[in-house]
Structure formats: C-alpha cells, structure tokens
Amino acid sequence: MKSTVIKRSITIARRKTSISLEEEFWKGLKEIARAHQVAASALIPAIRRHHQGNLSSAIRVFVVDYYRAQVPTISADRSGPFAMIPALANHEAQAY
C-alpha cells in the first residue's frame, strides 16, 4: 500500500524546513486557512509558536483539535461512520 504522506518544503522565519503530512491533513489545513481568510503559509508559523516539538505532529494536532471543536458531541451522532463505534467496542471486548 502506497503511503499518502506528502513531504513539502516551506520557509519559516527565513529558515527552510520540511513537513511530512498525509494529504487529508494538508487539505484540512488549507480549509481552515481559507475559512479564516489567511494563507496556510501564515498558519504554520502560528501553529509552531503554540506547539512544541515536531511541526508535522503539531499541524496534525491543530487540524484535529480545530475540527473536534466544530462538533459539539460526536458520541450523540450514531449515523455514518460513527454508527460502527459500538460494534467495534463490542467486537474488541469479545476478542479478549
């Protein structure tokens, strides 16, 4: 299976660095930037200032946290992909 991770080079504070992210996280980052009318390249330094450690991981956490904040209660929605969560929990409990 081919990885969907894409490596991109960017410049932050006049220093080149590379970021490796799955395509879904790149799309999420671009959507967030577009929703706030800023360039994704402007969001990345802000994310770096607020998260220590690996920048790729910080971006993933930022995107997940952003979308998590948009959904009041995921557990209340049992449609679509969330419908399988109880079934997975039951299956895992039976496996042990």
PDB file of N, CA and C in Angstrom:
ATOM      1  N   MET A   1       0.839  -1.171   0.000  1.00  0.00           N
ATOM      2  CA  MET A   1       0.000   0.000   0.000  1.00  0.00           C
ATOM      3  C   MET A   1       0.893   1.246   0.000  1.00  0.00           C
ATOM      4  N   LYS A   2       0.653   2.142  -0.911  1.00  0.00           N
ATOM      5  CA  LYS A   2       1.446   3.354  -1.017  1.00  0.00           C
ATOM      6  C   LYS A   2       1.012   4.369   0.040  1.00  0.00           C
ATOM      7  N   SER A   3       1.976   4.986   0.692  1.00  0.00           N
ATOM      8  CA  SER A   3       1.702   5.982   1.708  1.00  0.00           C
ATOM      9  C   SER A   3       1.124   7.240   1.088  1.00  0.00           C
ATOM     10  N   THR A   4       0.203   7.872   1.817  1.00  0.00           N
ATOM     11  CA  THR A   4      -0.373   9.125   1.342  1.00  0.00           C
ATOM     12  C   THR A   4       0.351  10.329   1.938  1.00  0.00           C
ATOM     13  N   VAL A   5       1.475  10.075   2.614  1.00  0.00           N
ATOM     14  CA  VAL A   5       2.241  11.164   3.217  1.00  0.00           C
ATOM     15  C   VAL A   5       2.958  11.932   2.118  1.00  0.00           C
ATOM     16  N   ILE A   6       2.814  13.251   2.176  1.00  0.00           N
ATOM     17  CA  ILE A   6       3.459  14.124   1.203  1.00  0.00           C
ATOM     18  C   ILE A   6       4.424  15.027   1.947  1.00  0.00           C
ATOM     19  N   LYS A   7       5.637  15.102   1.442  1.00  0.00           N
ATOM     20  CA  LYS A   7       6.663  15.946   2.053  1.00  0.00           C
ATOM     21  C   LYS A   7       6.735  17.259   1.279  1.00  0.00           C
ATOM     22  N   ARG A   8       6.660  18.362   2.011  1.00  0.00           N
ATOM     23  CA  ARG A   8       6.740  19.683   1.392  1.00  0.00           C
ATOM     24  C   ARG A   8       7.803  20.503   2.107  1.00  0.00           C
ATOM     25  N   SER A   9       8.479  21.347   1.360  1.00  0.00           N
ATOM     26  CA  SER A   9       9.454  22.266   1.938  1.00  0.00           C
ATOM     27  C   SER A   9       8.806  23.628   2.083  1.00  0.00           C
ATOM     28  N   ILE A  10       8.997  24.228   3.245  1.00  0.00           N
ATOM     29  CA  ILE A  10       8.467  25.567   3.486  1.00  0.00           C
ATOM     30  C   ILE A  10       9.543  26.408   4.157  1.00  0.00           C
ATOM     31  N   THR A  11       9.339  27.704   4.180  1.00  0.00           N
ATOM     32  CA  THR A  11      10.255  28.618   4.848  1.00  0.00           C
ATOM     33  C   THR A  11       9.517  29.295   5.998  1.00  0.00           C
ATOM     34  N   ILE A  12      10.090  29.192   7.184  1.00  0.00           N
ATOM     35  CA  ILE A  12       9.542  29.828   8.375  1.00  0.00           C
ATOM     36  C   ILE A  12      10.644  30.679   8.978  1.00  0.00           C
ATOM     37  N   ALA A  13      10.377  31.959   9.120  1.00  0.00           N
ATOM     38  CA  ALA A  13      11.361  32.891   9.679  1.00  0.00           C
ATOM     39  C   ALA A  13      12.698  32.768   8.955  1.00  0.00           C
ATOM     40  N   ARG A  14      12.631  32.751   7.640  1.00  0.00           N
ATOM     41  CA  ARG A  14      13.794  32.690   6.751  1.00  0.00           C
ATOM     42  C   ARG A  14      14.595  31.393   6.861  1.00  0.00           C
ATOM     43  N   ARG A  15      13.997  30.369   7.450  1.00  0.00           N
ATOM     44  CA  ARG A  15      14.670  29.076   7.548  1.00  0.00           C
ATOM     45  C   ARG A  15      13.835  28.031   6.834  1.00  0.00           C
ATOM     46  N   LYS A  16      14.495  27.252   5.982  1.00  0.00           N
ATOM     47  CA  LYS A  16      13.792  26.185   5.263  1.00  0.00           C
ATOM     48  C   LYS A  16      13.621  24.987   6.178  1.00  0.00           C
ATOM     49  N   THR A  17      12.463  24.394   6.076  1.00  0.00           N
ATOM     50  CA  THR A  17      12.174  23.173   6.809  1.00  0.00           C
ATOM     51  C   THR A  17      11.233  22.324   5.966  1.00  0.00           C
ATOM     52  N   SER A  18      11.129  21.070   6.297  1.00  0.00           N
ATOM     53  CA  SER A  18      10.196  20.216   5.556  1.00  0.00           C
ATOM     54  C   SER A  18       9.140  19.685   6.503  1.00  0.00           C
ATOM     55  N   ILE A  19       7.968  19.482   5.933  1.00  0.00           N
ATOM     56  CA  ILE A  19       6.828  18.966   6.687  1.00  0.00           C
ATOM     57  C   ILE A  19       6.288  17.771   5.927  1.00  0.00           C
ATOM     58  N   SER A  20       6.083  16.683   6.628  1.00  0.00           N
ATOM     59  CA  SER A  20       5.504  15.480   6.025  1.00  0.00           C
ATOM     60  C   SER A  20       4.130  15.251   6.638  1.00  0.00           C
ATOM     61  N   LEU A  21       3.107  15.360   5.803  1.00  0.00           N
ATOM     62  CA  LEU A  21       1.729  15.182   6.260  1.00  0.00           C
ATOM     63  C   LEU A  21       0.938  14.360   5.261  1.00  0.00           C
ATOM     64  N   GLU A  22      -0.025  13.632   5.773  1.00  0.00           N
ATOM     65  CA  GLU A  22      -0.968  12.947   4.905  1.00  0.00           C
ATOM     66  C   GLU A  22      -1.779  13.994   4.155  1.00  0.00           C
ATOM     67  N   GLU A  23      -2.223  13.632   2.967  1.00  0.00           N
ATOM     68  CA  GLU A  23      -2.976  14.561   2.116  1.00  0.00           C
ATOM     69  C   GLU A  23      -4.204  15.120   2.842  1.00  0.00           C
ATOM     70  N   GLU A  24      -4.859  14.301   3.662  1.00  0.00           N
ATOM     71  CA  GLU A  24      -6.053  14.757   4.380  1.00  0.00           C
ATOM     72  C   GLU A  24      -5.724  15.897   5.336  1.00  0.00           C
ATOM     73  N   PHE A  25      -4.557  15.857   5.968  1.00  0.00           N
ATOM     74  CA  PHE A  25      -4.183  16.936   6.876  1.00  0.00           C
ATOM     75  C   PHE A  25      -3.814  18.208   6.108  1.00  0.00           C
ATOM     76  N   TRP A  26      -3.161  18.049   4.937  1.00  0.00           N
ATOM     77  CA  TRP A  26      -2.889  19.221   4.104  1.00  0.00           C
ATOM     78  C   TRP A  26      -4.192  19.885   3.689  1.00  0.00           C
ATOM     79  N   LYS A  27      -5.165  19.060   3.267  1.00  0.00           N
ATOM     80  CA  LYS A  27      -6.463  19.602   2.856  1.00  0.00           C
ATOM     81  C   LYS A  27      -7.151  20.289   4.032  1.00  0.00           C
ATOM     82  N   GLY A  28      -7.117  19.670   5.196  1.00  0.00           N
ATOM     83  CA  GLY A  28      -7.719  20.270   6.385  1.00  0.00           C
ATOM     84  C   GLY A  28      -7.080  21.596   6.734  1.00  0.00           C
ATOM     85  N   LEU A  29      -5.754  21.655   6.672  1.00  0.00           N
ATOM     86  CA  LEU A  29      -5.044  22.898   6.963  1.00  0.00           C
ATOM     87  C   LEU A  29      -5.438  23.996   5.983  1.00  0.00           C
ATOM     88  N   LYS A  30      -5.529  23.647   4.702  1.00  0.00           N
ATOM     89  CA  LYS A  30      -5.929  24.624   3.686  1.00  0.00           C
ATOM     90  C   LYS A  30      -7.366  25.085   3.889  1.00  0.00           C
ATOM     91  N   GLU A  31      -8.264  24.173   4.259  1.00  0.00           N
ATOM     92  CA  GLU A  31      -9.661  24.537   4.521  1.00  0.00           C
ATOM     93  C   GLU A  31      -9.763  25.502   5.690  1.00  0.00           C
ATOM     94  N   ILE A  32      -9.019  25.230   6.750  1.00  0.00           N
ATOM     95  CA  ILE A  32      -9.027  26.102   7.923  1.00  0.00           C
ATOM     96  C   ILE A  32      -8.511  27.483   7.551  1.00  0.00           C
ATOM     97  N   ALA A  33      -7.418  27.520   6.813  1.00  0.00           N
ATOM     98  CA  ALA A  33      -6.843  28.798   6.391  1.00  0.00           C
ATOM     99  C   ALA A  33      -7.844  29.577   5.544  1.00  0.00           C
ATOM    100  N   ARG A  34      -8.463  28.887   4.597  1.00  0.00           N
ATOM    101  CA  ARG A  34      -9.438  29.536   3.713  1.00  0.00           C
ATOM    102  C   ARG A  34     -10.623  30.080   4.523  1.00  0.00           C
ATOM    103  N   ALA A  35     -11.098  29.310   5.502  1.00  0.00           N
ATOM    104  CA  ALA A  35     -12.229  29.735   6.329  1.00  0.00           C
ATOM    105  C   ALA A  35     -11.912  30.987   7.131  1.00  0.00           C
ATOM    106  N   HIS A  36     -10.631  31.172   7.441  1.00  0.00           N
ATOM    107  CA  HIS A  36     -10.215  32.342   8.233  1.00  0.00           C
ATOM    108  C   HIS A  36      -9.532  33.407   7.380  1.00  0.00           C
ATOM    109  N   GLN A  37      -9.609  33.203   6.083  1.00  0.00           N
ATOM    110  CA  GLN A  37      -9.083  34.153   5.097  1.00  0.00           C
ATOM    111  C   GLN A  37      -7.613  34.495   5.330  1.00  0.00           C
ATOM    112  N   VAL A  38      -6.831  33.451   5.564  1.00  0.00           N
ATOM    113  CA  VAL A  38      -5.380  33.595   5.671  1.00  0.00           C
ATOM    114  C   VAL A  38      -4.740  32.513   4.811  1.00  0.00           C
ATOM    115  N   ALA A  39      -3.504  32.708   4.476  1.00  0.00           N
ATOM    116  CA  ALA A  39      -2.772  31.684   3.726  1.00  0.00           C
ATOM    117  C   ALA A  39      -2.333  30.577   4.679  1.00  0.00           C
ATOM    118  N   ALA A  40      -2.312  29.361   4.191  1.00  0.00           N
ATOM    119  CA  ALA A  40      -1.824  28.242   5.006  1.00  0.00           C
ATOM    120  C   ALA A  40      -0.402  28.519   5.469  1.00  0.00           C
ATOM    121  N   SER A  41       0.374  29.181   4.628  1.00  0.00           N
ATOM    122  CA  SER A  41       1.758  29.502   4.991  1.00  0.00           C
ATOM    123  C   SER A  41       1.820  30.478   6.172  1.00  0.00           C
ATOM    124  N   ALA A  42       0.750  31.214   6.419  1.00  0.00           N
ATOM    125  CA  ALA A  42       0.700  32.099   7.586  1.00  0.00           C
ATOM    126  C   ALA A  42       0.259  31.342   8.835  1.00  0.00           C
ATOM    127  N   LEU A  43      -0.515  30.293   8.655  1.00  0.00           N
ATOM    128  CA  LEU A  43      -0.967  29.490   9.794  1.00  0.00           C
ATOM    129  C   LEU A  43       0.160  28.661  10.399  1.00  0.00           C
ATOM    130  N   ILE A  44       1.021  28.148   9.555  1.00  0.00           N
ATOM    131  CA  ILE A  44       2.059  27.218  10.024  1.00  0.00           C
ATOM    132  C   ILE A  44       2.978  27.845  11.082  1.00  0.00           C
ATOM    133  N   PRO A  45       3.487  29.066  10.888  1.00  0.00           N
ATOM    134  CA  PRO A  45       4.312  29.658  11.952  1.00  0.00           C
ATOM    135  C   PRO A  45       3.524  29.878  13.245  1.00  0.00           C
ATOM    136  N   ALA A  46       2.237  30.205  13.132  1.00  0.00           N
ATOM    137  CA  ALA A  46       1.411  30.374  14.334  1.00  0.00           C
ATOM    138  C   ALA A  46       1.262  29.046  15.069  1.00  0.00           C
ATOM    139  N   ILE A  47       1.091  27.977  14.318  1.00  0.00           N
ATOM    140  CA  ILE A  47       0.999  26.640  14.930  1.00  0.00           C
ATOM    141  C   ILE A  47       2.310  26.303  15.625  1.00  0.00           C
ATOM    142  N   ARG A  48       3.416  26.602  14.977  1.00  0.00           N
ATOM    143  CA  ARG A  48       4.732  26.314  15.575  1.00  0.00           C
ATOM    144  C   ARG A  48       4.922  27.080  16.884  1.00  0.00           C
ATOM    145  N   ARG A  49       4.455  28.313  16.936  1.00  0.00           N
ATOM    146  CA  ARG A  49       4.608  29.110  18.163  1.00  0.00           C
ATOM    147  C   ARG A  49       3.818  28.529  19.323  1.00  0.00           C
ATOM    148  N   HIS A  50       2.712  27.859  19.036  1.00  0.00           N
ATOM    149  CA  HIS A  50       1.844  27.358  20.096  1.00  0.00           C
ATOM    150  C   HIS A  50       2.052  25.882  20.431  1.00  0.00           C
ATOM    151  N   HIS A  51       2.828  25.173  19.638  1.00  0.00           N
ATOM    152  CA  HIS A  51       3.063  23.751  19.878  1.00  0.00           C
ATOM    153  C   HIS A  51       4.558  23.479  19.825  1.00  0.00           C
ATOM    154  N   GLN A  52       5.050  22.808  20.840  1.00  0.00           N
ATOM    155  CA  GLN A  52       6.460  22.439  20.872  1.00  0.00           C
ATOM    156  C   GLN A  52       6.655  21.103  20.176  1.00  0.00           C
ATOM    157  N   GLY A  53       7.866  20.830  19.768  1.00  0.00           N
ATOM    158  CA  GLY A  53       8.182  19.529  19.202  1.00  0.00           C
ATOM    159  C   GLY A  53       8.048  19.494  17.689  1.00  0.00           C
ATOM    160  N   ASN A  54       7.752  18.324  17.187  1.00  0.00           N
ATOM    161  CA  ASN A  54       7.701  18.064  15.764  1.00  0.00           C
ATOM    162  C   ASN A  54       6.598  18.883  15.093  1.00  0.00           C
ATOM    163  N   LEU A  55       6.954  19.642  14.067  1.00  0.00           N
ATOM    164  CA  LEU A  55       5.997  20.528  13.403  1.00  0.00           C
ATOM    165  C   LEU A  55       4.915  19.742  12.676  1.00  0.00           C
ATOM    166  N   SER A  56       5.262  18.652  12.035  1.00  0.00           N
ATOM    167  CA  SER A  56       4.251  17.846  11.345  1.00  0.00           C
ATOM    168  C   SER A  56       3.205  17.340  12.337  1.00  0.00           C
ATOM    169  N   SER A  57       3.657  16.871  13.486  1.00  0.00           N
ATOM    170  CA  SER A  57       2.728  16.409  14.520  1.00  0.00           C
ATOM    171  C   SER A  57       1.887  17.560  15.050  1.00  0.00           C
ATOM    172  N   ALA A  58       2.506  18.714  15.232  1.00  0.00           N
ATOM    173  CA  ALA A  58       1.775  19.892  15.721  1.00  0.00           C
ATOM    174  C   ALA A  58       0.661  20.285  14.759  1.00  0.00           C
ATOM    175  N   ILE A  59       0.920  20.203  13.469  1.00  0.00           N
ATOM    176  CA  ILE A  59      -0.107  20.535  12.478  1.00  0.00           C
ATOM    177  C   ILE A  59      -1.243  19.518  12.548  1.00  0.00           C
ATOM    178  N   ARG A  60      -0.906  18.243  12.668  1.00  0.00           N
ATOM    179  CA  ARG A  60      -1.945  17.216  12.782  1.00  0.00           C
ATOM    180  C   ARG A  60      -2.839  17.487  13.991  1.00  0.00           C
ATOM    181  N   VAL A  61      -2.212  17.770  15.143  1.00  0.00           N
ATOM    182  CA  VAL A  61      -2.968  18.047  16.368  1.00  0.00           C
ATOM    183  C   VAL A  61      -3.834  19.287  16.179  1.00  0.00           C
ATOM    184  N   PHE A  62      -3.289  20.325  15.566  1.00  0.00           N
ATOM    185  CA  PHE A  62      -4.044  21.557  15.312  1.00  0.00           C
ATOM    186  C   PHE A  62      -5.288  21.275  14.473  1.00  0.00           C
ATOM    187  N   VAL A  63      -5.118  20.535  13.387  1.00  0.00           N
ATOM    188  CA  VAL A  63      -6.239  20.237  12.490  1.00  0.00           C
ATOM    189  C   VAL A  63      -7.294  19.409  13.224  1.00  0.00           C
ATOM    190  N   VAL A  64      -6.873  18.375  13.929  1.00  0.00           N
ATOM    191  CA  VAL A  64      -7.823  17.540  14.666  1.00  0.00           C
ATOM    192  C   VAL A  64      -8.546  18.363  15.731  1.00  0.00           C
ATOM    193  N   ASP A  65      -7.801  19.160  16.499  1.00  0.00           N
ATOM    194  CA  ASP A  65      -8.426  19.999  17.533  1.00  0.00           C
ATOM    195  C   ASP A  65      -9.414  20.991  16.930  1.00  0.00           C
ATOM    196  N   TYR A  66      -9.060  21.573  15.787  1.00  0.00           N
ATOM    197  CA  TYR A  66      -9.942  22.534  15.124  1.00  0.00           C
ATOM    198  C   TYR A  66     -11.271  21.878  14.759  1.00  0.00           C
ATOM    199  N   TYR A  67     -11.197  20.729  14.107  1.00  0.00           N
ATOM    200  CA  TYR A  67     -12.428  20.055  13.699  1.00  0.00           C
ATOM    201  C   TYR A  67     -13.180  19.458  14.885  1.00  0.00           C
ATOM    202  N   ARG A  68     -12.463  19.000  15.890  1.00  0.00           N
ATOM    203  CA  ARG A  68     -13.112  18.482  17.093  1.00  0.00           C
ATOM    204  C   ARG A  68     -13.931  19.577  17.766  1.00  0.00           C
ATOM    205  N   ALA A  69     -13.414  20.795  17.770  1.00  0.00           N
ATOM    206  CA  ALA A  69     -14.128  21.920  18.375  1.00  0.00           C
ATOM    207  C   ALA A  69     -15.394  22.273  17.594  1.00  0.00           C
ATOM    208  N   GLN A  70     -15.471  21.889  16.328  1.00  0.00           N
ATOM    209  CA  GLN A  70     -16.638  22.185  15.494  1.00  0.00           C
ATOM    210  C   GLN A  70     -17.804  21.239  15.764  1.00  0.00           C
ATOM    211  N   VAL A  71     -17.537  20.099  16.390  1.00  0.00           N
ATOM    212  CA  VAL A  71     -18.553  19.078  16.611  1.00  0.00           C
ATOM    213  C   VAL A  71     -18.873  19.032  18.101  1.00  0.00           C
ATOM    214  N   PRO A  72     -20.091  19.455  18.487  1.00  0.00           N
ATOM    215  CA  PRO A  72     -20.409  19.506  19.916  1.00  0.00           C
ATOM    216  C   PRO A  72     -20.289  18.152  20.620  1.00  0.00           C
ATOM    217  N   THR A  73     -20.896  17.113  20.060  1.00  0.00           N
ATOM    218  CA  THR A  73     -20.844  15.799  20.690  1.00  0.00           C
ATOM    219  C   THR A  73     -20.850  14.736  19.613  1.00  0.00           C
ATOM    220  N   ILE A  74     -19.704  14.195  19.346  1.00  0.00           N
ATOM    221  CA  ILE A  74     -19.612  13.147  18.339  1.00  0.00           C
ATOM    222  C   ILE A  74     -20.394  11.920  18.800  1.00  0.00           C
ATOM    223  N   SER A  75     -20.340  11.614  20.083  1.00  0.00           N
ATOM    224  CA  SER A  75     -20.990  10.392  20.563  1.00  0.00           C
ATOM    225  C   SER A  75     -22.500  10.418  20.376  1.00  0.00           C
ATOM    226  N   ALA A  76     -23.107  11.590  20.254  1.00  0.00           N
ATOM    227  CA  ALA A  76     -24.555  11.680  20.055  1.00  0.00           C
ATOM    228  C   ALA A  76     -24.947  11.315  18.629  1.00  0.00           C
ATOM    229  N   ASP A  77     -24.007  11.398  17.703  1.00  0.00           N
ATOM    230  CA  ASP A  77     -24.284  11.090  16.301  1.00  0.00           C
ATOM    231  C   ASP A  77     -23.928   9.640  16.027  1.00  0.00           C
ATOM    232  N   ARG A  78     -24.918   8.823  15.814  1.00  0.00           N
ATOM    233  CA  ARG A  78     -24.674   7.403  15.540  1.00  0.00           C
ATOM    234  C   ARG A  78     -24.990   7.057  14.093  1.00  0.00           C
ATOM    235  N   SER A  79     -24.785   8.038  13.209  1.00  0.00           N
ATOM    236  CA  SER A  79     -25.002   7.786  11.791  1.00  0.00           C
ATOM    237  C   SER A  79     -23.650   7.773  11.081  1.00  0.00           C
ATOM    238  N   GLY A  80     -23.664   7.421   9.841  1.00  0.00           N
ATOM    239  CA  GLY A  80     -22.440   7.422   9.041  1.00  0.00           C
ATOM    240  C   GLY A  80     -21.361   6.564   9.674  1.00  0.00           C
ATOM    241  N   PRO A  81     -20.113   7.029   9.641  1.00  0.00           N
ATOM    242  CA  PRO A  81     -19.023   6.206  10.159  1.00  0.00           C
ATOM    243  C   PRO A  81     -19.100   5.996  11.667  1.00  0.00           C
ATOM    244  N   PHE A  82     -19.841   6.863  12.375  1.00  0.00           N
ATOM    245  CA  PHE A  82     -19.922   6.727  13.828  1.00  0.00           C
ATOM    246  C   PHE A  82     -20.855   5.599  14.246  1.00  0.00           C
ATOM    247  N   ALA A  83     -21.680   5.125  13.326  1.00  0.00           N
ATOM    248  CA  ALA A  83     -22.608   4.047  13.643  1.00  0.00           C
ATOM    249  C   ALA A  83     -21.869   2.765  14.014  1.00  0.00           C
ATOM    250  N   MET A  84     -20.657   2.598  13.539  1.00  0.00           N
ATOM    251  CA  MET A  84     -19.932   1.358  13.802  1.00  0.00           C
ATOM    252  C   MET A  84     -19.161   1.377  15.113  1.00  0.00           C
ATOM    253  N   ILE A  85     -19.085   2.486  15.812  1.00  0.00           N
ATOM    254  CA  ILE A  85     -18.286   2.571  17.031  1.00  0.00           C
ATOM    255  C   ILE A  85     -18.753   1.582  18.093  1.00  0.00           C
ATOM    256  N   PRO A  86     -20.052   1.486  18.433  1.00  0.00           N
ATOM    257  CA  PRO A  86     -20.443   0.484  19.435  1.00  0.00           C
ATOM    258  C   PRO A  86     -20.117  -0.936  18.983  1.00  0.00           C
ATOM    259  N   ALA A  87     -20.276  -1.205  17.705  1.00  0.00           N
ATOM    260  CA  ALA A  87     -19.968  -2.546  17.200  1.00  0.00           C
ATOM    261  C   ALA A  87     -18.482  -2.859  17.358  1.00  0.00           C
ATOM    262  N   LEU A  88     -17.645  -1.886  17.119  1.00  0.00           N
ATOM    263  CA  LEU A  88     -16.207  -2.096  17.296  1.00  0.00           C
ATOM    264  C   LEU A  88     -15.877  -2.350  18.757  1.00  0.00           C
ATOM    265  N   ALA A  89     -16.497  -1.592  19.641  1.00  0.00           N
ATOM    266  CA  ALA A  89     -16.235  -1.768  21.072  1.00  0.00           C
ATOM    267  C   ALA A  89     -16.659  -3.161  21.519  1.00  0.00           C
ATOM    268  N   ASN A  90     -17.820  -3.623  21.051  1.00  0.00           N
ATOM    269  CA  ASN A  90     -18.281  -4.964  21.408  1.00  0.00           C
ATOM    270  C   ASN A  90     -17.357  -6.030  20.843  1.00  0.00           C
ATOM    271  N   HIS A  91     -16.922  -5.855  19.610  1.00  0.00           N
ATOM    272  CA  HIS A  91     -16.025  -6.816  18.962  1.00  0.00           C
ATOM    273  C   HIS A  91     -14.702  -6.903  19.707  1.00  0.00           C
ATOM    274  N   GLU A  92     -14.146  -5.745  20.087  1.00  0.00           N
ATOM    275  CA  GLU A  92     -12.863  -5.745  20.790  1.00  0.00           C
ATOM    276  C   GLU A  92     -12.997  -6.391  22.163  1.00  0.00           C
ATOM    277  N   ALA A  93     -14.123  -6.151  22.832  1.00  0.00           N
ATOM    278  CA  ALA A  93     -14.326  -6.748  24.162  1.00  0.00           C
ATOM    279  C   ALA A  93     -14.414  -8.260  24.049  1.00  0.00           C
ATOM    280  N   GLN A  94     -15.043  -8.757  22.995  1.00  0.00           N
ATOM    281  CA  GLN A  94     -15.178 -10.204  22.808  1.00  0.00           C
ATOM    282  C   GLN A  94     -13.869 -10.850  22.407  1.00  0.00           C
ATOM    283  N   ALA A  95     -12.984 -10.076  21.767  1.00  0.00           N
ATOM    284  CA  ALA A  95     -11.723 -10.640  21.296  1.00  0.00           C
ATOM    285  C   ALA A  95     -10.771 -10.962  22.449  1.00  0.00           C
ATOM    286  N   TYR A  96     -10.981 -10.358  23.604  1.00  0.00           N
ATOM    287  CA  TYR A  96     -10.067 -10.571  24.738  1.00  0.00           C
ATOM    288  C   TYR A  96     -10.695 -11.431  25.738  1.00  0.00           C
TER     289      TYR A  96
END
